[in-house]
């Protein structure tokens, strides 16, 4: 299989509410709405994130986002009104756990330990 891109996807119960939350997380509006009930943020040419309105599966997913400065991201998110948990040391990374409006787990991870 020759992959050209990979998109992570989470389900939500209210697309409008979740778009506002993820717009704050990514610090920008979605890049595309390829169909009704689906929005996308593109991250370079080989990665992206899809948010899909699907009440049955909302709140059951996990998304991990790798960042360069987890402390700076925590401060930015809190200033934007997102409840950011404490930064935790993991075995090989430093992480911070967030919950989106449906309860999906969104983990920010910085390689190495801070």
Protein backbone atom coordinates (compact mmCIF):
# COMPACT_ATOMS: atom_id res chain seq x y z
CA UNK A 1 0.00 0.00 0.00
CA UNK A 2 1.45 3.35 -1.02
CA UNK A 3 -0.09 6.00 1.21
CA UNK A 4 -0.22 9.61 0.09
CA UNK A 5 -1.80 11.07 3.25
CA UNK A 6 -3.26 10.06 6.60
CA UNK A 7 -6.24 11.72 8.27
CA UNK A 8 -7.24 11.16 11.88
CA UNK A 9 -10.98 11.39 12.53
CA UNK A 10 -13.18 11.96 15.59
CA UNK A 11 -16.96 11.85 15.79
CA UNK A 12 -18.99 14.58 17.46
CA UNK A 13 -22.63 15.12 18.35
CA UNK A 14 -22.79 18.83 17.41
CA UNK A 15 -20.51 19.83 14.54
CA UNK A 16 -20.87 23.58 15.13
CA UNK A 17 -19.90 23.35 18.80
CA UNK A 18 -16.99 21.02 18.08
CA UNK A 19 -15.70 23.17 15.21
CA UNK A 20 -15.43 26.10 17.64
CA UNK A 21 -13.47 23.94 20.13
CA UNK A 22 -11.07 22.49 17.55
CA UNK A 23 -10.66 25.93 15.92
CA UNK A 24 -9.26 27.03 19.29
CA UNK A 25 -7.04 23.94 19.53
CA UNK A 26 -5.59 24.35 16.01
CA UNK A 27 -5.67 28.18 16.20
CA UNK A 28 -7.37 28.40 12.80
CA UNK A 29 -10.59 27.65 10.97
CA UNK A 30 -11.12 24.34 9.13
CA UNK A 31 -9.58 24.08 5.68
CA UNK A 32 -12.40 22.18 3.96
CA UNK A 33 -15.93 20.87 4.27
CA UNK A 34 -15.91 18.03 1.72
CA UNK A 35 -19.48 16.97 2.52
CA UNK A 36 -22.32 17.73 4.88
CA UNK A 37 -21.43 16.89 8.48
CA UNK A 38 -17.66 16.72 7.85
CA UNK A 39 -14.92 19.34 8.23
CA UNK A 40 -11.17 18.99 7.79
CA UNK A 41 -8.02 20.69 8.98
CA UNK A 42 -5.05 20.00 6.71
CA UNK A 43 -1.61 19.75 8.30
CA UNK A 44 0.92 19.88 5.52
CA UNK A 45 0.36 17.69 2.49
CA UNK A 46 0.40 14.31 4.22
CA UNK A 47 -1.68 14.65 7.36
CA UNK A 48 -5.00 16.02 8.44
CA UNK A 49 -7.85 15.85 10.92
CA UNK A 50 -11.50 15.19 10.15
CA UNK A 51 -14.37 16.04 12.47
CA UNK A 52 -17.53 14.10 11.61
CA UNK A 53 -21.00 14.61 13.07
CA UNK A 54 -22.09 11.15 14.23
CA UNK A 55 -23.94 11.10 17.53
CA UNK A 56 -23.73 7.31 17.91
CA UNK A 57 -19.91 7.31 17.96
CA UNK A 58 -19.28 10.73 19.54
CA UNK A 59 -17.08 10.78 22.62
CA UNK A 60 -15.44 7.40 22.03
CA UNK A 61 -12.24 8.42 20.24
CA UNK A 62 -8.69 9.45 20.99
CA UNK A 63 -6.47 11.86 19.06
CA UNK A 64 -2.79 12.45 19.80
CA UNK A 65 -1.16 15.64 18.54
CA UNK A 66 2.62 15.97 18.62
CA UNK A 67 3.82 19.48 19.53
CA UNK A 68 7.17 21.21 19.98
CA UNK A 69 6.29 23.30 23.06
CA UNK A 70 3.68 21.69 25.31
CA UNK A 71 3.99 24.41 27.98
CA UNK A 72 3.37 27.14 25.43
CA UNK A 73 0.43 25.22 23.97
CA UNK A 74 -1.09 24.78 27.42
CA UNK A 75 -0.84 28.51 28.09
CA UNK A 76 -2.32 29.35 24.67
CA UNK A 77 -5.24 26.95 25.12
CA UNK A 78 -6.04 28.21 28.60
CA UNK A 79 -5.93 31.83 27.37
CA UNK A 80 -8.44 30.77 24.68
CA UNK A 81 -10.84 29.33 27.25
CA UNK A 82 -10.04 25.63 26.88
CA UNK A 83 -9.74 23.65 30.11
CA UNK A 84 -6.18 22.31 29.95
CA UNK A 85 -5.11 19.67 32.44
CA UNK A 86 -1.69 19.53 34.04
CA UNK A 87 1.36 18.49 32.07
CA UNK A 88 2.44 14.93 32.86
CA UNK A 89 5.72 13.10 32.39
CA UNK A 90 5.30 9.84 30.47
CA UNK A 91 7.98 7.25 29.69
CA UNK A 92 9.35 8.94 26.56
CA UNK A 93 7.25 12.08 26.19
CA UNK A 94 5.55 14.82 28.10
CA UNK A 95 1.76 14.84 27.69
CA UNK A 96 -1.31 16.88 28.46
CA UNK A 97 -4.82 15.45 28.24
CA UNK A 98 -7.82 17.42 27.03
CA UNK A 99 -11.45 16.45 26.53
CA UNK A 100 -13.42 17.86 23.62
CA UNK A 101 -17.10 18.83 24.09
CA UNK A 102 -18.20 15.20 23.55
CA UNK A 103 -15.57 13.69 25.84
CA UNK A 104 -13.18 12.47 23.13
CA UNK A 105 -9.65 12.34 24.53
CA UNK A 106 -7.22 14.73 22.86
CA UNK A 107 -3.62 14.25 23.98
CA UNK A 108 -0.90 16.77 23.28
CA UNK A 109 2.52 15.13 23.40
CA UNK A 110 6.00 16.60 23.25
CA UNK A 111 8.83 14.18 22.50
CA UNK A 112 11.29 13.91 25.38
CA UNK A 113 10.59 14.90 28.92
CA UNK A 114 10.37 18.54 29.99
